[in-house]
Amino acid sequence: MRLYDLRQKDVINTRTCRLLGCISDLDIDCKTGCILALIVPGPGRLCWFLGRDFEYFIPWRCIVQIGADIILVDVDEDEVRKKCG
């Protein structure tokens, strides 16, 4: 599967049944080439004009299932939230 294919899928948290968004980037270990985390942008400040306050860094181990249209994850949203900038 390519990053392009992953970016087309919605990420849904199974704990809250909430749509987190779509993948914007991946965190990859340069030495091993393994994917460490999915990066999903948080909601925009004001209609997305002023940027974002945070992103979700979802560890690879928290992925429950990758389907045709969605990616199910099991995360505590407060724990995977990282400030932008």
PDB file of N, CA and C in Angstrom:
ATOM      1  N   MET A   1       0.851  -1.177   0.000  1.00  0.00           N
ATOM      2  CA  MET A   1       0.000   0.000   0.000  1.00  0.00           C
ATOM      3  C   MET A   1       0.897   1.241   0.000  1.00  0.00           C
ATOM      4  N   ARG A   2       0.498   2.241  -0.720  1.00  0.00           N
ATOM      5  CA  ARG A   2       1.256   3.481  -0.828  1.00  0.00           C
ATOM      6  C   ARG A   2       0.671   4.548   0.092  1.00  0.00           C
ATOM      7  N   LEU A   3       1.485   5.568   0.383  1.00  0.00           N
ATOM      8  CA  LEU A   3       1.017   6.678   1.204  1.00  0.00           C
ATOM      9  C   LEU A   3      -0.210   7.330   0.567  1.00  0.00           C
ATOM     10  N   TYR A   4      -0.213   7.444  -0.743  1.00  0.00           N
ATOM     11  CA  TYR A   4      -1.358   8.023  -1.441  1.00  0.00           C
ATOM     12  C   TYR A   4      -2.640   7.261  -1.103  1.00  0.00           C
ATOM     13  N   ASP A   5      -2.558   5.936  -1.059  1.00  0.00           N
ATOM     14  CA  ASP A   5      -3.723   5.119  -0.735  1.00  0.00           C
ATOM     15  C   ASP A   5      -4.167   5.338   0.707  1.00  0.00           C
ATOM     16  N   LEU A   6      -3.207   5.442   1.626  1.00  0.00           N
ATOM     17  CA  LEU A   6      -3.535   5.680   3.036  1.00  0.00           C
ATOM     18  C   LEU A   6      -4.186   7.048   3.230  1.00  0.00           C
ATOM     19  N   ARG A   7      -3.723   8.046   2.493  1.00  0.00           N
ATOM     20  CA  ARG A   7      -4.233   9.407   2.654  1.00  0.00           C
ATOM     21  C   ARG A   7      -5.687   9.543   2.218  1.00  0.00           C
ATOM     22  N   GLN A   8      -6.184   8.608   1.453  1.00  0.00           N
ATOM     23  CA  GLN A   8      -7.565   8.658   0.974  1.00  0.00           C
ATOM     24  C   GLN A   8      -8.554   8.098   1.996  1.00  0.00           C
ATOM     25  N   LYS A   9      -8.046   7.506   3.068  1.00  0.00           N
ATOM     26  CA  LYS A   9      -8.911   6.829   4.042  1.00  0.00           C
ATOM     27  C   LYS A   9      -9.171   7.723   5.261  1.00  0.00           C
ATOM     28  N   ASP A  10     -10.384   7.655   5.794  1.00  0.00           N
ATOM     29  CA  ASP A  10     -10.731   8.357   7.021  1.00  0.00           C
ATOM     30  C   ASP A  10     -10.216   7.567   8.215  1.00  0.00           C
ATOM     31  N   VAL A  11      -9.690   8.276   9.217  1.00  0.00           N
ATOM     32  CA  VAL A  11      -9.215   7.647  10.446  1.00  0.00           C
ATOM     33  C   VAL A  11     -10.289   7.819  11.507  1.00  0.00           C
ATOM     34  N   ILE A  12     -10.750   6.698  12.060  1.00  0.00           N
ATOM     35  CA  ILE A  12     -11.821   6.714  13.055  1.00  0.00           C
ATOM     36  C   ILE A  12     -11.327   6.072  14.341  1.00  0.00           C
ATOM     37  N   ASN A  13     -11.560   6.759  15.461  1.00  0.00           N
ATOM     38  CA  ASN A  13     -11.189   6.247  16.773  1.00  0.00           C
ATOM     39  C   ASN A  13     -12.298   5.327  17.279  1.00  0.00           C
ATOM     40  N   THR A  14     -11.971   4.073  17.547  1.00  0.00           N
ATOM     41  CA  THR A  14     -12.988   3.115  17.996  1.00  0.00           C
ATOM     42  C   THR A  14     -13.444   3.375  19.429  1.00  0.00           C
ATOM     43  N   ARG A  15     -12.636   4.069  20.213  1.00  0.00           N
ATOM     44  CA  ARG A  15     -13.040   4.370  21.605  1.00  0.00           C
ATOM     45  C   ARG A  15     -14.182   5.370  21.657  1.00  0.00           C
ATOM     46  N   THR A  16     -14.134   6.357  20.771  1.00  0.00           N
ATOM     47  CA  THR A  16     -15.126   7.430  20.803  1.00  0.00           C
ATOM     48  C   THR A  16     -16.044   7.418  19.587  1.00  0.00           C
ATOM     49  N   CYS A  17     -15.766   6.548  18.616  1.00  0.00           N
ATOM     50  CA  CYS A  17     -16.499   6.496  17.348  1.00  0.00           C
ATOM     51  C   CYS A  17     -16.468   7.848  16.643  1.00  0.00           C
ATOM     52  N   ARG A  18     -15.352   8.547  16.801  1.00  0.00           N
ATOM     53  CA  ARG A  18     -15.191   9.886  16.249  1.00  0.00           C
ATOM     54  C   ARG A  18     -14.258   9.864  15.049  1.00  0.00           C
ATOM     55  N   LEU A  19     -14.592  10.633  14.027  1.00  0.00           N
ATOM     56  CA  LEU A  19     -13.736  10.799  12.863  1.00  0.00           C
ATOM     57  C   LEU A  19     -12.621  11.776  13.226  1.00  0.00           C
ATOM     58  N   LEU A  20     -11.372  11.331  13.126  1.00  0.00           N
ATOM     59  CA  LEU A  20     -10.236  12.189  13.437  1.00  0.00           C
ATOM     60  C   LEU A  20      -9.774  12.967  12.217  1.00  0.00           C
ATOM     61  N   GLY A  21     -10.012  12.439  11.033  1.00  0.00           N
ATOM     62  CA  GLY A  21      -9.594  13.108   9.805  1.00  0.00           C
ATOM     63  C   GLY A  21      -8.890  12.126   8.886  1.00  0.00           C
ATOM     64  N   CYS A  22      -8.108  12.656   7.957  1.00  0.00           N
ATOM     65  CA  CYS A  22      -7.339  11.842   7.024  1.00  0.00           C
ATOM     66  C   CYS A  22      -5.852  12.011   7.312  1.00  0.00           C
ATOM     67  N   ILE A  23      -5.076  11.011   6.972  1.00  0.00           N
ATOM     68  CA  ILE A  23      -3.636  11.031   7.213  1.00  0.00           C
ATOM     69  C   ILE A  23      -2.986  12.110   6.353  1.00  0.00           C
ATOM     70  N   SER A  24      -2.117  12.911   6.977  1.00  0.00           N
ATOM     71  CA  SER A  24      -1.383  13.919   6.223  1.00  0.00           C
ATOM     72  C   SER A  24       0.075  13.511   6.027  1.00  0.00           C
ATOM     73  N   ASP A  25       0.598  12.677   6.936  1.00  0.00           N
ATOM     74  CA  ASP A  25       2.010  12.305   6.872  1.00  0.00           C
ATOM     75  C   ASP A  25       2.242  11.038   7.691  1.00  0.00           C
ATOM     76  N   LEU A  26       3.446  10.508   7.583  1.00  0.00           N
ATOM     77  CA  LEU A  26       3.865   9.340   8.358  1.00  0.00           C
ATOM     78  C   LEU A  26       5.133   9.673   9.122  1.00  0.00           C
ATOM     79  N   ASP A  27       5.296   9.098  10.294  1.00  0.00           N
ATOM     80  CA  ASP A  27       6.545   9.181  11.058  1.00  0.00           C
ATOM     81  C   ASP A  27       7.271   7.859  10.823  1.00  0.00           C
ATOM     82  N   ILE A  28       8.446   7.922  10.190  1.00  0.00           N
ATOM     83  CA  ILE A  28       9.173   6.717   9.792  1.00  0.00           C
ATOM     84  C   ILE A  28      10.533   6.674  10.470  1.00  0.00           C
ATOM     85  N   ASP A  29      10.926   5.501  10.969  1.00  0.00           N
ATOM     86  CA  ASP A  29      12.260   5.290  11.531  1.00  0.00           C
ATOM     87  C   ASP A  29      13.244   5.180  10.365  1.00  0.00           C
ATOM     88  N   CYS A  30      14.179   6.115  10.284  1.00  0.00           N
ATOM     89  CA  CYS A  30      15.123   6.155   9.152  1.00  0.00           C
ATOM     90  C   CYS A  30      16.054   4.950   9.122  1.00  0.00           C
ATOM     91  N   LYS A  31      16.368   4.381  10.279  1.00  0.00           N
ATOM     92  CA  LYS A  31      17.295   3.243  10.318  1.00  0.00           C
ATOM     93  C   LYS A  31      16.647   1.948   9.849  1.00  0.00           C
ATOM     94  N   THR A  32      15.413   1.715  10.259  1.00  0.00           N
ATOM     95  CA  THR A  32      14.741   0.457   9.929  1.00  0.00           C
ATOM     96  C   THR A  32      13.762   0.580   8.763  1.00  0.00           C
ATOM     97  N   GLY A  33      13.296   1.801   8.499  1.00  0.00           N
ATOM     98  CA  GLY A  33      12.310   2.006   7.447  1.00  0.00           C
ATOM     99  C   GLY A  33      10.898   1.663   7.881  1.00  0.00           C
ATOM    100  N   CYS A  34      10.712   1.382   9.170  1.00  0.00           N
ATOM    101  CA  CYS A  34       9.390   1.021   9.691  1.00  0.00           C
ATOM    102  C   CYS A  34       8.568   2.275   9.996  1.00  0.00           C
ATOM    103  N   ILE A  35       7.259   2.169   9.784  1.00  0.00           N
ATOM    104  CA  ILE A  35       6.351   3.260  10.120  1.00  0.00           C
ATOM    105  C   ILE A  35       6.141   3.256  11.631  1.00  0.00           C
ATOM    106  N   LEU A  36       6.409   4.395  12.268  1.00  0.00           N
ATOM    107  CA  LEU A  36       6.228   4.516  13.715  1.00  0.00           C
ATOM    108  C   LEU A  36       4.839   5.054  14.054  1.00  0.00           C
ATOM    109  N   ALA A  37       4.356   6.006  13.258  1.00  0.00           N
ATOM    110  CA  ALA A  37       3.075   6.639  13.585  1.00  0.00           C
ATOM    111  C   ALA A  37       2.434   7.238  12.340  1.00  0.00           C
ATOM    112  N   LEU A  38       1.109   7.347  12.405  1.00  0.00           N
ATOM    113  CA  LEU A  38       0.329   8.078  11.412  1.00  0.00           C
ATOM    114  C   LEU A  38       0.142   9.489  11.947  1.00  0.00           C
ATOM    115  N   ILE A  39       0.239  10.479  11.097  1.00  0.00           N
ATOM    116  CA  ILE A  39       0.041  11.866  11.522  1.00  0.00           C
ATOM    117  C   ILE A  39      -1.241  12.375  10.871  1.00  0.00           C
ATOM    118  N   VAL A  40      -2.186  12.775  11.735  1.00  0.00           N
ATOM    119  CA  VAL A  40      -3.485  13.272  11.283  1.00  0.00           C
ATOM    120  C   VAL A  40      -3.632  14.699  11.809  1.00  0.00           C
ATOM    121  N   PRO A  41      -3.854  15.680  10.929  1.00  0.00           N
ATOM    122  CA  PRO A  41      -4.007  17.057  11.405  1.00  0.00           C
ATOM    123  C   PRO A  41      -5.260  17.218  12.254  1.00  0.00           C
ATOM    124  N   GLY A  42      -5.146  18.045  13.289  1.00  0.00           N
ATOM    125  CA  GLY A  42      -6.299  18.359  14.125  1.00  0.00           C
ATOM    126  C   GLY A  42      -7.192  19.365  13.426  1.00  0.00           C
ATOM    127  N   PRO A  43      -8.290  19.736  14.061  1.00  0.00           N
ATOM    128  CA  PRO A  43      -9.199  20.703  13.448  1.00  0.00           C
ATOM    129  C   PRO A  43      -8.545  22.082  13.320  1.00  0.00           C
ATOM    130  N   GLY A  44      -8.990  22.848  12.325  1.00  0.00           N
ATOM    131  CA  GLY A  44      -8.461  24.193  12.112  1.00  0.00           C
ATOM    132  C   GLY A  44      -8.976  25.168  13.150  1.00  0.00           C
ATOM    133  N   ARG A  45      -8.251  26.270  13.299  1.00  0.00           N
ATOM    134  CA  ARG A  45      -8.653  27.285  14.280  1.00  0.00           C
ATOM    135  C   ARG A  45      -9.877  28.057  13.823  1.00  0.00           C
ATOM    136  N   LEU A  46      -9.779  28.707  12.660  1.00  0.00           N
ATOM    137  CA  LEU A  46     -10.882  29.506  12.146  1.00  0.00           C
ATOM    138  C   LEU A  46     -11.047  29.167  10.677  1.00  0.00           C
ATOM    139  N   CYS A  47     -11.900  28.217  10.400  1.00  0.00           N
ATOM    140  CA  CYS A  47     -12.126  27.760   9.016  1.00  0.00           C
ATOM    141  C   CYS A  47     -10.817  27.385   8.347  1.00  0.00           C
ATOM    142  N   TRP A  48      -9.877  26.884   9.089  1.00  0.00           N
ATOM    143  CA  TRP A  48      -8.571  26.424   8.605  1.00  0.00           C
ATOM    144  C   TRP A  48      -7.698  27.541   8.043  1.00  0.00           C
ATOM    145  N   PHE A  49      -8.086  28.823   8.220  1.00  0.00           N
ATOM    146  CA  PHE A  49      -7.280  29.931   7.698  1.00  0.00           C
ATOM    147  C   PHE A  49      -6.065  30.207   8.577  1.00  0.00           C
ATOM    148  N   LEU A  50      -6.184  30.001   9.864  1.00  0.00           N
ATOM    149  CA  LEU A  50      -5.113  30.362  10.796  1.00  0.00           C
ATOM    150  C   LEU A  50      -4.270  29.169  11.230  1.00  0.00           C
ATOM    151  N   GLY A  51      -4.333  28.086  10.516  1.00  0.00           N
ATOM    152  CA  GLY A  51      -3.523  26.915  10.857  1.00  0.00           C
ATOM    153  C   GLY A  51      -4.202  26.012  11.870  1.00  0.00           C
ATOM    154  N   ARG A  52      -3.386  25.207  12.519  1.00  0.00           N
ATOM    155  CA  ARG A  52      -3.896  24.216  13.469  1.00  0.00           C
ATOM    156  C   ARG A  52      -3.155  24.328  14.792  1.00  0.00           C
ATOM    157  N   ASP A  53      -3.844  23.969  15.873  1.00  0.00           N
ATOM    158  CA  ASP A  53      -3.232  23.979  17.194  1.00  0.00           C
ATOM    159  C   ASP A  53      -2.457  22.698  17.468  1.00  0.00           C
ATOM    160  N   PHE A  54      -2.921  21.576  16.899  1.00  0.00           N
ATOM    161  CA  PHE A  54      -2.294  20.294  17.206  1.00  0.00           C
ATOM    162  C   PHE A  54      -2.481  19.301  16.076  1.00  0.00           C
ATOM    163  N   GLU A  55      -1.735  18.202  16.162  1.00  0.00           N
ATOM    164  CA  GLU A  55      -1.873  17.063  15.258  1.00  0.00           C
ATOM    165  C   GLU A  55      -1.976  15.818  16.124  1.00  0.00           C
ATOM    166  N   TYR A  56      -2.570  14.781  15.563  1.00  0.00           N
ATOM    167  CA  TYR A  56      -2.606  13.486  16.237  1.00  0.00           C
ATOM    168  C   TYR A  56      -1.454  12.642  15.703  1.00  0.00           C
ATOM    169  N   PHE A  57      -0.576  12.167  16.602  1.00  0.00           N
ATOM    170  CA  PHE A  57       0.478  11.211  16.255  1.00  0.00           C
ATOM    171  C   PHE A  57       0.007   9.858  16.755  1.00  0.00           C
ATOM    172  N   ILE A  58      -0.512   9.041  15.859  1.00  0.00           N
ATOM    173  CA  ILE A  58      -1.123   7.771  16.221  1.00  0.00           C
ATOM    174  C   ILE A  58      -0.111   6.657  16.007  1.00  0.00           C
ATOM    175  N   PRO A  59       0.373   6.036  17.102  1.00  0.00           N
ATOM    176  CA  PRO A  59       1.356   4.950  16.960  1.00  0.00           C
ATOM    177  C   PRO A  59       0.822   3.811  16.098  1.00  0.00           C
ATOM    178  N   TRP A  60       1.711   3.214  15.329  1.00  0.00           N
ATOM    179  CA  TRP A  60       1.347   2.123  14.425  1.00  0.00           C
ATOM    180  C   TRP A  60       0.680   0.981  15.179  1.00  0.00           C
ATOM    181  N   ARG A  61       1.120   0.719  16.408  1.00  0.00           N
ATOM    182  CA  ARG A  61       0.567  -0.383  17.196  1.00  0.00           C
ATOM    183  C   ARG A  61      -0.894  -0.147  17.588  1.00  0.00           C
ATOM    184  N   CYS A  62      -1.380   1.092  17.465  1.00  0.00           N
ATOM    185  CA  CYS A  62      -2.755   1.424  17.841  1.00  0.00           C
ATOM    186  C   CYS A  62      -3.747   1.234  16.693  1.00  0.00           C
ATOM    187  N   ILE A  63      -3.250   0.846  15.523  1.00  0.00           N
ATOM    188  CA  ILE A  63      -4.145   0.585  14.396  1.00  0.00           C
ATOM    189  C   ILE A  63      -4.850  -0.746  14.623  1.00  0.00           C
ATOM    190  N   VAL A  64      -6.165  -0.716  14.591  1.00  0.00           N
ATOM    191  CA  VAL A  64      -6.968  -1.919  14.782  1.00  0.00           C
ATOM    192  C   VAL A  64      -7.157  -2.635  13.448  1.00  0.00           C
ATOM    193  N   GLN A  65      -7.522  -1.859  12.419  1.00  0.00           N
ATOM    194  CA  GLN A  65      -7.774  -2.460  11.110  1.00  0.00           C
ATOM    195  C   GLN A  65      -7.695  -1.386  10.033  1.00  0.00           C
ATOM    196  N   ILE A  66      -7.164  -1.784   8.884  1.00  0.00           N
ATOM    197  CA  ILE A  66      -7.151  -0.917   7.711  1.00  0.00           C
ATOM    198  C   ILE A  66      -8.115  -1.531   6.706  1.00  0.00           C
ATOM    199  N   GLY A  67      -9.183  -0.796   6.417  1.00  0.00           N
ATOM    200  CA  GLY A  67     -10.189  -1.289   5.487  1.00  0.00           C
ATOM    201  C   GLY A  67     -10.081  -0.599   4.139  1.00  0.00           C
ATOM    202  N   ALA A  68     -11.060  -0.834   3.296  1.00  0.00           N
ATOM    203  CA  ALA A  68     -11.062  -0.254   1.952  1.00  0.00           C
ATOM    204  C   ALA A  68     -11.215   1.264   1.991  1.00  0.00           C
ATOM    205  N   ASP A  69     -12.012   1.779   2.941  1.00  0.00           N
ATOM    206  CA  ASP A  69     -12.293   3.213   2.999  1.00  0.00           C
ATOM    207  C   ASP A  69     -11.870   3.883   4.304  1.00  0.00           C
ATOM    208  N   ILE A  70     -11.660   3.096   5.359  1.00  0.00           N
ATOM    209  CA  ILE A  70     -11.358   3.682   6.669  1.00  0.00           C
ATOM    210  C   ILE A  70     -10.205   2.957   7.352  1.00  0.00           C
ATOM    211  N   ILE A  71      -9.623   3.657   8.322  1.00  0.00           N
ATOM    212  CA  ILE A  71      -8.613   3.073   9.202  1.00  0.00           C
ATOM    213  C   ILE A  71      -9.157   3.200  10.622  1.00  0.00           C
ATOM    214  N   LEU A  72      -9.312   2.083  11.300  1.00  0.00           N
ATOM    215  CA  LEU A  72      -9.793   2.082  12.677  1.00  0.00           C
ATOM    216  C   LEU A  72      -8.603   2.087  13.614  1.00  0.00           C
ATOM    217  N   VAL A  73      -8.626   3.005  14.583  1.00  0.00           N
ATOM    218  CA  VAL A  73      -7.556   3.091  15.579  1.00  0.00           C
ATOM    219  C   VAL A  73      -8.173   3.071  16.970  1.00  0.00           C
ATOM    220  N   ASP A  74      -7.398   2.628  17.941  1.00  0.00           N
ATOM    221  CA  ASP A  74      -7.835   2.596  19.336  1.00  0.00           C
ATOM    222  C   ASP A  74      -6.855   3.428  20.142  1.00  0.00           C
ATOM    223  N   VAL A  75      -7.201   4.717  20.360  1.00  0.00           N
ATOM    224  CA  VAL A  75      -6.289   5.640  21.043  1.00  0.00           C
ATOM    225  C   VAL A  75      -7.035   6.514  22.037  1.00  0.00           C
ATOM    226  N   ASP A  76      -6.279   7.003  23.027  1.00  0.00           N
ATOM    227  CA  ASP A  76      -6.753   8.062  23.904  1.00  0.00           C
ATOM    228  C   ASP A  76      -6.345   9.357  23.203  1.00  0.00           C
ATOM    229  N   GLU A  77      -7.299  10.125  22.730  1.00  0.00           N
ATOM    230  CA  GLU A  77      -7.007  11.286  21.901  1.00  0.00           C
ATOM    231  C   GLU A  77      -6.135  12.323  22.620  1.00  0.00           C
ATOM    232  N   ASP A  78      -6.284  12.451  23.933  1.00  0.00           N
ATOM    233  CA  ASP A  78      -5.438  13.397  24.675  1.00  0.00           C
ATOM    234  C   ASP A  78      -3.974  12.956  24.698  1.00  0.00           C
ATOM    235  N   GLU A  79      -3.727  11.657  24.704  1.00  0.00           N
ATOM    236  CA  GLU A  79      -2.355  11.148  24.760  1.00  0.00           C
ATOM    237  C   GLU A  79      -1.634  11.267  23.419  1.00  0.00           C
ATOM    238  N   VAL A  80      -2.339  11.196  22.310  1.00  0.00           N
ATOM    239  CA  VAL A  80      -1.697  11.225  20.992  1.00  0.00           C
ATOM    240  C   VAL A  80      -1.706  12.627  20.377  1.00  0.00           C
ATOM    241  N   ARG A  81      -2.216  13.605  21.097  1.00  0.00           N
ATOM    242  CA  ARG A  81      -2.280  14.978  20.606  1.00  0.00           C
ATOM    243  C   ARG A  81      -0.935  15.662  20.857  1.00  0.00           C
ATOM    244  N   LYS A  82      -0.355  16.241  19.797  1.00  0.00           N
ATOM    245  CA  LYS A  82       0.919  16.967  19.892  1.00  0.00           C
ATOM    246  C   LYS A  82       0.719  18.379  19.354  1.00  0.00           C
ATOM    247  N   LYS A  83       1.304  19.362  20.037  1.00  0.00           N
ATOM    248  CA  LYS A  83       1.207  20.751  19.586  1.00  0.00           C
ATOM    249  C   LYS A  83       1.916  20.950  18.265  1.00  0.00           C
ATOM    250  N   CYS A  84       1.370  21.778  17.426  1.00  0.00           N
ATOM    251  CA  CYS A  84       2.009  22.145  16.155  1.00  0.00           C
ATOM    252  C   CYS A  84       3.009  23.259  16.397  1.00  0.00           C
ATOM    253  N   GLY A  85       4.067  23.222  15.593  1.00  0.00           N
ATOM    254  CA  GLY A  85       5.045  24.317  15.624  1.00  0.00           C
ATOM    255  C   GLY A  85       5.943  24.174  16.737  1.00  0.00           C
TER     256      GLY A  85
END
